[in-house]
Amino acid sequence: MTLLETPELAGRSVRENRFEAIFVDPSIANFSRQGFTRVVRLSPFNSQTPIVLISTPYAEKYVKFDDPGVVTVMAKPSSADDLLPYLEDIKRRLRADRRKNRRLPYRTGVNCLQGGRRLKATSVNISTTGILLEMSWAPKFGEELELHFQLGEDERSLNARARVVRIEGPGRAALGFHSLPAFDRERVRRLVEAHLPALR
């Protein structure tokens, strides 16, 4: 766990380190939710890391968003009796995020479209939030591609738009799925969970 007391230190840290989750007290001085979220989403290590804003209590305990990359709001505990459920809630969220980001080693050919170019790559691993590719060209951070590939024994190809979120050295890049339909995300989840041990 790393505690950072200013937005400037936090911004520098997320650019240089990988975190499982980022919890933010929006009442700290000079904090901009939109600006900080943009820094995290553009960072090489935390583009898919969940961000949780710790707010003051309000009518509903928290507002939950299921789409990856969206900020979640969570209420601060208002009394000592609320502390244990609060910590359990944090653990539940982190477990859910680990399930979502589990990567299955998976090799298959991937057809990539970028503008008018047709390119070929090979997948290394896959999760419900993205895919790691080996490729013969040098992609740029942030660029978008259209991907087409087979998913397990399913005869239907998976078609997805994805954005380069991390360069892992020459010939390798991690891409985050972008606007992947819920049906296709569920297909990926079933493939991953069929081949990896249950995560509790």
C-alpha atoms as a PDB file:
ATOM      1  CA  MET A   1       0.000   0.000   0.000  1.00  0.00           C
ATOM      2  CA  THR A   2       1.274   3.479  -0.900  1.00  0.00           C
ATOM      3  CA  LEU A   3      -0.135   6.656   0.696  1.00  0.00           C
ATOM      4  CA  LEU A   4       0.330   9.886  -1.255  1.00  0.00           C
ATOM      5  CA  GLU A   5      -0.885  13.182   0.156  1.00  0.00           C
ATOM      6  CA  THR A   6      -0.936  15.491  -2.884  1.00  0.00           C
ATOM      7  CA  PRO A   7      -2.328  15.158  -6.438  1.00  0.00           C
ATOM      8  CA  GLU A   8       1.126  15.971  -7.821  1.00  0.00           C
ATOM      9  CA  LEU A   9       2.809  13.070  -5.971  1.00  0.00           C
ATOM     10  CA  ALA A  10      -0.055  10.754  -6.906  1.00  0.00           C
ATOM     11  CA  GLY A  11       0.193  11.699 -10.582  1.00  0.00           C
ATOM     12  CA  ARG A  12       3.937  11.038 -10.623  1.00  0.00           C
ATOM     13  CA  SER A  13       3.499   7.706  -8.853  1.00  0.00           C
ATOM     14  CA  VAL A  14       0.826   6.325 -11.204  1.00  0.00           C
ATOM     15  CA  ARG A  15       3.046   7.136 -14.181  1.00  0.00           C
ATOM     16  CA  GLU A  16       5.926   5.130 -12.688  1.00  0.00           C
ATOM     17  CA  ASN A  17       4.279   2.254 -10.743  1.00  0.00           C
ATOM     18  CA  ARG A  18       1.582  -0.391 -11.267  1.00  0.00           C
ATOM     19  CA  PHE A  19      -1.275  -0.449  -8.715  1.00  0.00           C
ATOM     20  CA  GLU A  20      -4.068  -2.998  -8.216  1.00  0.00           C
ATOM     21  CA  ALA A  21      -6.472  -0.216  -7.255  1.00  0.00           C
ATOM     22  CA  ILE A  22      -6.366   3.537  -6.618  1.00  0.00           C
ATOM     23  CA  PHE A  23      -8.450   5.021  -3.796  1.00  0.00           C
ATOM     24  CA  VAL A  24      -8.788   8.800  -3.770  1.00  0.00           C
ATOM     25  CA  ASP A  25     -10.153  11.269  -1.209  1.00  0.00           C
ATOM     26  CA  PRO A  26     -11.536  14.025  -3.479  1.00  0.00           C
ATOM     27  CA  SER A  27     -11.480  16.539  -0.614  1.00  0.00           C
ATOM     28  CA  ILE A  28      -7.677  16.912  -0.796  1.00  0.00           C
ATOM     29  CA  ALA A  29      -6.483  20.338  -1.945  1.00  0.00           C
ATOM     30  CA  ASN A  30      -6.185  21.024  -5.699  1.00  0.00           C
ATOM     31  CA  PHE A  31      -7.735  17.679  -6.677  1.00  0.00           C
ATOM     32  CA  SER A  32      -9.425  17.499 -10.086  1.00  0.00           C
ATOM     33  CA  ARG A  33     -11.387  14.271 -10.632  1.00  0.00           C
ATOM     34  CA  GLN A  34     -11.351  14.682 -14.406  1.00  0.00           C
ATOM     35  CA  GLY A  35      -7.682  15.675 -14.557  1.00  0.00           C
ATOM     36  CA  PHE A  36      -6.481  12.874 -12.273  1.00  0.00           C
ATOM     37  CA  THR A  37      -8.572  10.264 -14.090  1.00  0.00           C
ATOM     38  CA  ARG A  38      -7.013  11.384 -17.388  1.00  0.00           C
ATOM     39  CA  VAL A  39      -3.492  11.038 -15.902  1.00  0.00           C
ATOM     40  CA  VAL A  40      -4.274   7.485 -14.721  1.00  0.00           C
ATOM     41  CA  ARG A  41      -5.903   6.393 -17.999  1.00  0.00           C
ATOM     42  CA  LEU A  42      -2.950   7.703 -20.048  1.00  0.00           C
ATOM     43  CA  SER A  43      -0.310   6.123 -17.789  1.00  0.00           C
ATOM     44  CA  PRO A  44       1.606   3.112 -19.167  1.00  0.00           C
ATOM     45  CA  PHE A  45       0.920   0.907 -16.099  1.00  0.00           C
ATOM     46  CA  ASN A  46      -2.551   1.894 -14.841  1.00  0.00           C
ATOM     47  CA  SER A  47      -4.736   2.524 -17.870  1.00  0.00           C
ATOM     48  CA  GLN A  48      -7.115  -0.243 -16.698  1.00  0.00           C
ATOM     49  CA  THR A  49      -6.646   0.133 -12.914  1.00  0.00           C
ATOM     50  CA  PRO A  50      -9.898   0.764 -11.003  1.00  0.00           C
ATOM     51  CA  ILE A  51     -10.258   4.216  -9.444  1.00  0.00           C
ATOM     52  CA  VAL A  52     -12.448   4.550  -6.352  1.00  0.00           C
ATOM     53  CA  LEU A  53     -13.440   7.968  -4.995  1.00  0.00           C
ATOM     54  CA  ILE A  54     -13.960   7.863  -1.227  1.00  0.00           C
ATOM     55  CA  SER A  55     -16.876  10.241  -0.661  1.00  0.00           C
ATOM     56  CA  THR A  56     -18.862  11.445   2.345  1.00  0.00           C
ATOM     57  CA  PRO A  57     -21.854   9.203   3.151  1.00  0.00           C
ATOM     58  CA  TYR A  58     -25.042   9.831   1.197  1.00  0.00           C
ATOM     59  CA  ALA A  59     -28.407   8.131   0.663  1.00  0.00           C
ATOM     60  CA  GLU A  60     -27.067   5.117  -1.236  1.00  0.00           C
ATOM     61  CA  LYS A  61     -23.952   3.367   0.010  1.00  0.00           C
ATOM     62  CA  TYR A  62     -22.188   3.740  -3.312  1.00  0.00           C
ATOM     63  CA  VAL A  63     -22.774   3.995  -7.022  1.00  0.00           C
ATOM     64  CA  LYS A  64     -21.439   0.992  -8.938  1.00  0.00           C
ATOM     65  CA  PHE A  65     -20.317   1.003 -12.564  1.00  0.00           C
ATOM     66  CA  ASP A  66     -19.462  -2.273 -14.320  1.00  0.00           C
ATOM     67  CA  ASP A  67     -17.606  -0.915 -17.351  1.00  0.00           C
ATOM     68  CA  PRO A  68     -13.802  -1.140 -17.032  1.00  0.00           C
ATOM     69  CA  GLY A  69     -12.048   2.171 -16.626  1.00  0.00           C
ATOM     70  CA  VAL A  70     -15.021   3.980 -15.070  1.00  0.00           C
ATOM     71  CA  VAL A  71     -14.608   5.718 -11.708  1.00  0.00           C
ATOM     72  CA  THR A  72     -16.559   4.155  -8.813  1.00  0.00           C
ATOM     73  CA  VAL A  73     -17.845   6.178  -5.864  1.00  0.00           C
ATOM     74  CA  MET A  74     -17.729   4.678  -2.372  1.00  0.00           C
ATOM     75  CA  ALA A  75     -18.893   6.226   0.908  1.00  0.00           C
ATOM     76  CA  LYS A  76     -16.537   6.780   3.827  1.00  0.00           C
ATOM     77  CA  PRO A  77     -17.463   4.857   6.977  1.00  0.00           C
ATOM     78  CA  SER A  78     -19.308   7.227   9.315  1.00  0.00           C
ATOM     79  CA  SER A  79     -18.712   5.216  12.506  1.00  0.00           C
ATOM     80  CA  ALA A  80     -16.482   2.491  13.936  1.00  0.00           C
ATOM     81  CA  ASP A  81     -19.301  -0.034  13.348  1.00  0.00           C
ATOM     82  CA  ASP A  82     -19.142   0.705   9.617  1.00  0.00           C
ATOM     83  CA  LEU A  83     -15.395   0.129   9.338  1.00  0.00           C
ATOM     84  CA  LEU A  84     -15.403  -3.686   8.993  1.00  0.00           C
ATOM     85  CA  PRO A  85     -18.117  -3.744   6.272  1.00  0.00           C
ATOM     86  CA  TYR A  86     -16.187  -0.937   4.549  1.00  0.00           C
ATOM     87  CA  LEU A  87     -12.974  -2.984   4.479  1.00  0.00           C
ATOM     88  CA  GLU A  88     -14.917  -6.063   3.320  1.00  0.00           C
ATOM     89  CA  ASP A  89     -16.374  -3.961   0.513  1.00  0.00           C
ATOM     90  CA  ILE A  90     -12.868  -2.920  -0.581  1.00  0.00           C
ATOM     91  CA  LYS A  91     -11.768  -6.598  -0.576  1.00  0.00           C
ATOM     92  CA  ARG A  92     -14.835  -7.562  -2.620  1.00  0.00           C
ATOM     93  CA  ARG A  93     -14.084  -4.893  -5.208  1.00  0.00           C
ATOM     94  CA  LEU A  94     -10.451  -5.956  -5.512  1.00  0.00           C
ATOM     95  CA  ARG A  95     -11.462  -9.627  -5.893  1.00  0.00           C
ATOM     96  CA  ALA A  96     -13.953  -8.660  -8.606  1.00  0.00           C
ATOM     97  CA  ASP A  97     -11.271  -6.652 -10.381  1.00  0.00           C
ATOM     98  CA  ARG A  98      -8.759  -9.521 -10.195  1.00  0.00           C
ATOM     99  CA  ARG A  99     -11.362 -11.831 -11.752  1.00  0.00           C
ATOM    100  CA  LYS A 100     -12.023  -9.302 -14.491  1.00  0.00           C
ATOM    101  CA  ASN A 101      -8.317  -8.919 -15.282  1.00  0.00           C
ATOM    102  CA  ARG A 102      -7.257 -12.588 -15.109  1.00  0.00           C
ATOM    103  CA  ARG A 103      -5.118 -13.338 -18.155  1.00  0.00           C
ATOM    104  CA  LEU A 104      -5.316 -16.662 -19.939  1.00  0.00           C
ATOM    105  CA  PRO A 105      -2.269 -17.687 -22.022  1.00  0.00           C
ATOM    106  CA  TYR A 106      -3.877 -17.923 -25.445  1.00  0.00           C
ATOM    107  CA  ARG A 107      -2.211 -18.218 -28.858  1.00  0.00           C
ATOM    108  CA  THR A 108      -4.179 -17.499 -31.992  1.00  0.00           C
ATOM    109  CA  GLY A 109      -3.809 -15.441 -35.148  1.00  0.00           C
ATOM    110  CA  VAL A 110      -5.299 -11.949 -34.980  1.00  0.00           C
ATOM    111  CA  ASN A 111      -6.258  -9.890 -38.030  1.00  0.00           C
ATOM    112  CA  CYS A 112      -5.798  -6.179 -37.329  1.00  0.00           C
ATOM    113  CA  LEU A 113      -7.240  -3.242 -39.249  1.00  0.00           C
ATOM    114  CA  GLN A 114      -5.716   0.198 -38.806  1.00  0.00           C
ATOM    115  CA  GLY A 115      -7.076   2.815 -41.155  1.00  0.00           C
ATOM    116  CA  GLY A 116      -6.679   1.220 -44.590  1.00  0.00           C
ATOM    117  CA  ARG A 117      -3.933  -1.174 -43.459  1.00  0.00           C
ATOM    118  CA  ARG A 118      -4.471  -4.893 -42.843  1.00  0.00           C
ATOM    119  CA  LEU A 119      -1.937  -6.359 -40.413  1.00  0.00           C
ATOM    120  CA  LYS A 120      -1.415  -9.728 -38.754  1.00  0.00           C
ATOM    121  CA  ALA A 121      -0.494 -10.403 -35.141  1.00  0.00           C
ATOM    122  CA  THR A 122      -0.477 -13.317 -32.694  1.00  0.00           C
ATOM    123  CA  SER A 123      -2.112 -13.208 -29.278  1.00  0.00           C
ATOM    124  CA  VAL A 124      -0.069 -14.063 -26.168  1.00  0.00           C
ATOM    125  CA  ASN A 125      -2.767 -13.832 -23.516  1.00  0.00           C
ATOM    126  CA  ILE A 126      -6.316 -12.538 -23.129  1.00  0.00           C
ATOM    127  CA  SER A 127      -8.647 -11.223 -20.423  1.00  0.00           C
ATOM    128  CA  THR A 128     -12.107  -9.670 -20.419  1.00  0.00           C
ATOM    129  CA  THR A 129     -10.482  -6.222 -20.530  1.00  0.00           C
ATOM    130  CA  GLY A 130      -7.806  -6.696 -23.175  1.00  0.00           C
ATOM    131  CA  ILE A 131      -5.275  -8.750 -25.089  1.00  0.00           C
ATOM    132  CA  LEU A 132      -1.470  -8.949 -25.377  1.00  0.00           C
ATOM    133  CA  LEU A 133      -0.230  -9.215 -28.961  1.00  0.00           C
ATOM    134  CA  GLU A 134       3.019 -10.070 -30.708  1.00  0.00           C
ATOM    135  CA  MET A 135       3.313  -8.030 -33.904  1.00  0.00           C
ATOM    136  CA  SER A 136       5.780  -7.342 -36.675  1.00  0.00           C
ATOM    137  CA  TRP A 137       5.317  -3.555 -36.633  1.00  0.00           C
ATOM    138  CA  ALA A 138       5.867  -0.878 -33.985  1.00  0.00           C
ATOM    139  CA  PRO A 139       2.517   0.299 -32.573  1.00  0.00           C
ATOM    140  CA  LYS A 140       2.149   3.652 -30.844  1.00  0.00           C
ATOM    141  CA  PHE A 141       0.719   4.172 -27.386  1.00  0.00           C
ATOM    142  CA  GLY A 142      -2.943   5.202 -27.616  1.00  0.00           C
ATOM    143  CA  GLU A 143      -3.567   4.162 -31.208  1.00  0.00           C
ATOM    144  CA  GLU A 144      -6.715   2.192 -32.028  1.00  0.00           C
ATOM    145  CA  LEU A 145      -7.082  -1.016 -34.031  1.00  0.00           C
ATOM    146  CA  GLU A 146      -9.943  -3.224 -35.091  1.00  0.00           C
ATOM    147  CA  LEU A 147      -9.270  -6.871 -34.152  1.00  0.00           C
ATOM    148  CA  HIS A 148     -10.750 -10.080 -35.580  1.00  0.00           C
ATOM    149  CA  PHE A 149      -9.845 -13.506 -34.139  1.00  0.00           C
ATOM    150  CA  GLN A 150     -11.233 -16.906 -33.152  1.00  0.00           C
ATOM    151  CA  LEU A 151     -12.151 -17.536 -29.539  1.00  0.00           C
ATOM    152  CA  GLY A 152     -11.575 -21.134 -28.472  1.00  0.00           C
ATOM    153  CA  GLU A 153     -13.778 -23.683 -30.243  1.00  0.00           C
ATOM    154  CA  ASP A 154     -16.410 -21.063 -31.047  1.00  0.00           C
ATOM    155  CA  GLU A 155     -16.876 -20.816 -34.819  1.00  0.00           C
ATOM    156  CA  ARG A 156     -17.846 -17.154 -34.618  1.00  0.00           C
ATOM    157  CA  SER A 157     -14.938 -14.748 -34.678  1.00  0.00           C
ATOM    158  CA  LEU A 158     -14.662 -12.066 -32.028  1.00  0.00           C
ATOM    159  CA  ASN A 159     -14.583  -8.569 -33.495  1.00  0.00           C
ATOM    160  CA  ALA A 160     -13.398  -5.815 -31.187  1.00  0.00           C
ATOM    161  CA  ARG A 161     -12.031  -2.311 -31.200  1.00  0.00           C
ATOM    162  CA  ALA A 162      -8.991  -1.955 -28.970  1.00  0.00           C
ATOM    163  CA  ARG A 163      -6.518   0.723 -27.939  1.00  0.00           C
ATOM    164  CA  VAL A 164      -2.794   0.286 -27.256  1.00  0.00           C
ATOM    165  CA  VAL A 165      -2.426   0.829 -23.498  1.00  0.00           C
ATOM    166  CA  ARG A 166       1.113  -0.489 -22.927  1.00  0.00           C
ATOM    167  CA  ILE A 167       4.200  -1.245 -25.011  1.00  0.00           C
ATOM    168  CA  GLU A 168       5.992  -4.313 -23.643  1.00  0.00           C
ATOM    169  CA  GLY A 169       9.176  -4.070 -25.667  1.00  0.00           C
ATOM    170  CA  PRO A 170       9.958  -4.670 -29.333  1.00  0.00           C
ATOM    171  CA  GLY A 171       7.142  -6.496 -31.091  1.00  0.00           C
ATOM    172  CA  ARG A 172       4.756  -6.698 -28.112  1.00  0.00           C
ATOM    173  CA  ALA A 173       1.874  -4.470 -27.053  1.00  0.00           C
ATOM    174  CA  ALA A 174      -1.049  -4.711 -24.636  1.00  0.00           C
ATOM    175  CA  LEU A 175      -4.380  -3.506 -25.973  1.00  0.00           C
ATOM    176  CA  GLY A 176      -7.468  -2.667 -23.940  1.00  0.00           C
ATOM    177  CA  PHE A 177     -10.825  -3.613 -25.410  1.00  0.00           C
ATOM    178  CA  HIS A 178     -12.895  -0.583 -26.115  1.00  0.00           C
ATOM    179  CA  SER A 179     -16.717  -0.777 -26.453  1.00  0.00           C
ATOM    180  CA  LEU A 180     -16.674  -4.591 -26.396  1.00  0.00           C
ATOM    181  CA  PRO A 181     -20.323  -5.791 -26.390  1.00  0.00           C
ATOM    182  CA  ALA A 182     -21.463  -7.492 -23.181  1.00  0.00           C
ATOM    183  CA  PHE A 183     -22.148 -10.738 -25.073  1.00  0.00           C
ATOM    184  CA  ASP A 184     -18.571 -10.924 -26.366  1.00  0.00           C
ATOM    185  CA  ARG A 185     -17.118  -9.964 -22.980  1.00  0.00           C
ATOM    186  CA  GLU A 186     -19.061 -12.883 -21.500  1.00  0.00           C
ATOM    187  CA  ARG A 187     -17.621 -15.210 -24.177  1.00  0.00           C
ATOM    188  CA  VAL A 188     -14.098 -14.171 -23.144  1.00  0.00           C
ATOM    189  CA  ARG A 189     -14.939 -14.592 -19.455  1.00  0.00           C
ATOM    190  CA  ARG A 190     -16.223 -18.140 -20.034  1.00  0.00           C
ATOM    191  CA  LEU A 191     -13.080 -19.058 -21.990  1.00  0.00           C
ATOM    192  CA  VAL A 192     -10.775 -17.707 -19.248  1.00  0.00           C
ATOM    193  CA  GLU A 193     -12.662 -19.340 -16.386  1.00  0.00           C
ATOM    194  CA  ALA A 194     -12.869 -22.681 -18.210  1.00  0.00           C
ATOM    195  CA  HIS A 195      -9.064 -22.914 -18.300  1.00  0.00           C
ATOM    196  CA  LEU A 196      -7.949 -21.248 -15.042  1.00  0.00           C
ATOM    197  CA  PRO A 197      -8.558 -22.436 -11.451  1.00  0.00           C
ATOM    198  CA  ALA A 198     -11.435 -20.804  -9.585  1.00  0.00           C
ATOM    199  CA  LEU A 199     -10.501 -17.523  -7.907  1.00  0.00           C
ATOM    200  CA  ARG A 200     -12.112 -16.886  -4.529  1.00  0.00           C
END
